[in-house]
C-alpha atoms as a PDB file:
ATOM      1  CA  MET A   1     -30.608  -8.271  15.963  1.00  0.00           C
ATOM      2  CA  GLU A   2     -30.194  -4.497  15.732  1.00  0.00           C
ATOM      3  CA  GLU A   3     -31.935  -4.440  12.357  1.00  0.00           C
ATOM      4  CA  VAL A   4     -34.881  -6.405  13.726  1.00  0.00           C
ATOM      5  CA  VAL A   5     -35.223  -4.152  16.742  1.00  0.00           C
ATOM      6  CA  SER A   6     -34.932  -0.950  14.731  1.00  0.00           C
ATOM      7  CA  GLU A   7     -37.567  -2.105  12.260  1.00  0.00           C
ATOM      8  CA  THR A   8     -40.101  -3.473  14.722  1.00  0.00           C
ATOM      9  CA  TRP A   9     -39.600  -1.468  17.899  1.00  0.00           C
ATOM     10  CA  PRO A  10     -41.411   1.878  17.860  1.00  0.00           C
ATOM     11  CA  VAL A  11     -39.562   4.741  19.500  1.00  0.00           C
ATOM     12  CA  TYR A  12     -42.170   6.804  21.354  1.00  0.00           C
ATOM     13  CA  SER A  13     -40.569   8.583  24.272  1.00  0.00           C
ATOM     14  CA  PRO A  14     -38.510  11.752  23.749  1.00  0.00           C
ATOM     15  CA  PHE A  15     -35.635  10.117  25.619  1.00  0.00           C
ATOM     16  CA  ALA A  16     -35.706   7.071  23.360  1.00  0.00           C
ATOM     17  CA  ARG A  17     -35.953   9.233  20.232  1.00  0.00           C
ATOM     18  CA  GLU A  18     -32.950  11.258  21.334  1.00  0.00           C
ATOM     19  CA  HIS A  19     -30.795   8.300  22.340  1.00  0.00           C
ATOM     20  CA  PHE A  20     -31.923   5.452  20.096  1.00  0.00           C
ATOM     21  CA  GLY A  21     -29.074   4.766  17.704  1.00  0.00           C
ATOM     22  CA  ARG A  22     -27.058   7.575  19.252  1.00  0.00           C
ATOM     23  CA  GLY A  23     -23.397   6.886  19.079  1.00  0.00           C
ATOM     24  CA  LYS A  24     -23.573   4.730  15.988  1.00  0.00           C
ATOM     25  CA  ALA A  25     -22.470   7.530  13.648  1.00  0.00           C
ATOM     26  CA  GLU A  26     -20.027   8.903  16.182  1.00  0.00           C
ATOM     27  CA  GLY A  27     -18.582   5.453  16.748  1.00  0.00           C
ATOM     28  CA  LYS A  28     -18.204   4.884  13.035  1.00  0.00           C
ATOM     29  CA  ALA A  29     -16.448   8.235  12.565  1.00  0.00           C
ATOM     30  CA  GLU A  30     -14.195   7.554  15.542  1.00  0.00           C
ATOM     31  CA  GLY A  31     -13.314   4.134  14.156  1.00  0.00           C
ATOM     32  CA  LYS A  32     -12.430   5.644  10.790  1.00  0.00           C
ATOM     33  CA  ALA A  33     -10.226   8.278  12.431  1.00  0.00           C
ATOM     34  CA  GLU A  34      -8.458   5.634  14.507  1.00  0.00           C
ATOM     35  CA  GLY A  35      -7.946   3.530  11.400  1.00  0.00           C
ATOM     36  CA  LYS A  36      -6.453   6.468   9.508  1.00  0.00           C
ATOM     37  CA  ALA A  37      -4.093   7.271  12.374  1.00  0.00           C
ATOM     38  CA  GLU A  38      -3.009   3.633  12.640  1.00  0.00           C
ATOM     39  CA  GLY A  39      -2.422   3.520   8.883  1.00  0.00           C
ATOM     40  CA  GLU A  40      -0.312   6.677   8.922  1.00  0.00           C
ATOM     41  CA  ALA A  41       1.693   5.396  11.897  1.00  0.00           C
ATOM     42  CA  ASP A  42       2.287   2.093  10.132  1.00  0.00           C
ATOM     43  CA  ALA A  43       3.378   3.900   6.957  1.00  0.00           C
ATOM     44  CA  LEU A  44       5.756   6.079   8.963  1.00  0.00           C
ATOM     45  CA  LEU A  45       7.360   3.093  10.652  1.00  0.00           C
ATOM     46  CA  THR A  46       7.618   1.306   7.294  1.00  0.00           C
ATOM     47  CA  ILE A  47       9.378   4.289   5.678  1.00  0.00           C
ATOM     48  CA  LEU A  48      11.828   4.564   8.552  1.00  0.00           C
ATOM     49  CA  GLU A  49      12.516   0.831   8.418  1.00  0.00           C
ATOM     50  CA  ALA A  50      12.980   0.859   4.638  1.00  0.00           C
ATOM     51  CA  ARG A  51      15.442   3.729   4.936  1.00  0.00           C
ATOM     52  CA  GLY A  52      17.421   1.845   7.591  1.00  0.00           C
ATOM     53  CA  ILE A  53      16.667   4.351  10.332  1.00  0.00           C
ATOM     54  CA  GLU A  54      16.617   2.808  13.779  1.00  0.00           C
ATOM     55  CA  VAL A  55      13.453   3.589  15.697  1.00  0.00           C
ATOM     56  CA  PRO A  56      14.033   3.646  19.465  1.00  0.00           C
ATOM     57  CA  GLN A  57      11.206   2.345  21.655  1.00  0.00           C
ATOM     58  CA  THR A  58      10.338   5.865  22.840  1.00  0.00           C
ATOM     59  CA  ALA A  59       9.952   7.081  19.244  1.00  0.00           C
ATOM     60  CA  ARG A  60       7.951   3.984  18.305  1.00  0.00           C
ATOM     61  CA  ALA A  61       5.614   4.590  21.251  1.00  0.00           C
ATOM     62  CA  ARG A  62       5.227   8.239  20.293  1.00  0.00           C
ATOM     63  CA  ILE A  63       4.330   7.261  16.727  1.00  0.00           C
ATOM     64  CA  THR A  64       1.949   4.418  17.580  1.00  0.00           C
ATOM     65  CA  THR A  65       0.067   6.355  20.264  1.00  0.00           C
ATOM     66  CA  CYS A  66      -0.381   9.520  18.197  1.00  0.00           C
ATOM     67  CA  THR A  67      -4.002  10.017  17.118  1.00  0.00           C
ATOM     68  CA  ASP A  68      -3.466  13.289  15.207  1.00  0.00           C
ATOM     69  CA  VAL A  69      -3.532  12.280  11.539  1.00  0.00           C
ATOM     70  CA  GLU A  70      -2.147  15.635  10.365  1.00  0.00           C
ATOM     71  CA  GLU A  71       0.818  15.390  12.724  1.00  0.00           C
ATOM     72  CA  LEU A  72       1.482  11.835  11.582  1.00  0.00           C
ATOM     73  CA  ARG A  73       1.395  13.000   7.942  1.00  0.00           C
ATOM     74  CA  THR A  74       3.879  15.757   8.760  1.00  0.00           C
ATOM     75  CA  TRP A  75       6.180  13.207  10.355  1.00  0.00           C
ATOM     76  CA  LEU A  76       5.725  10.900   7.378  1.00  0.00           C
ATOM     77  CA  LYS A  77       6.847  13.634   4.964  1.00  0.00           C
ATOM     78  CA  ARG A  78       9.867  14.380   7.136  1.00  0.00           C
ATOM     79  CA  ALA A  79      10.720  10.677   7.331  1.00  0.00           C
ATOM     80  CA  ALA A  80      11.218  10.629   3.571  1.00  0.00           C
ATOM     81  CA  VAL A  81      14.333  12.814   3.941  1.00  0.00           C
ATOM     82  CA  ALA A  82      15.299  12.479   7.620  1.00  0.00           C
ATOM     83  CA  ARG A  83      18.540  10.873   8.755  1.00  0.00           C
ATOM     84  CA  SER A  84      17.186  10.029  12.217  1.00  0.00           C
ATOM     85  CA  THR A  85      13.965   9.922  14.189  1.00  0.00           C
ATOM     86  CA  ASP A  86      15.018  13.155  15.885  1.00  0.00           C
ATOM     87  CA  GLU A  87      14.712  14.907  12.504  1.00  0.00           C
ATOM     88  CA  VAL A  88      11.237  13.442  12.032  1.00  0.00           C
ATOM     89  CA  PHE A  89       9.956  15.038  15.249  1.00  0.00           C
ATOM     90  CA  ASP A  90      11.757  18.413  14.944  1.00  0.00           C
END
């Protein structure tokens, strides 16, 4: 439907020109960022699980709600050598 509308509907007003399609690129970028963060969080939990490190619910919540990909990557690197979740977050 969106393709049909965008091909056949002329955008004349300044308001429509400014807002037509607005958010599509931002939404796509936001979705990619969320996907990256979820992937890093999943990888972190997988590493901790594979290493036999217990992940308390508070740590799991902290990991799964984090949206900062760089912070998650830092934690992921620490998880490779950590003996506990406390060492991951220090």
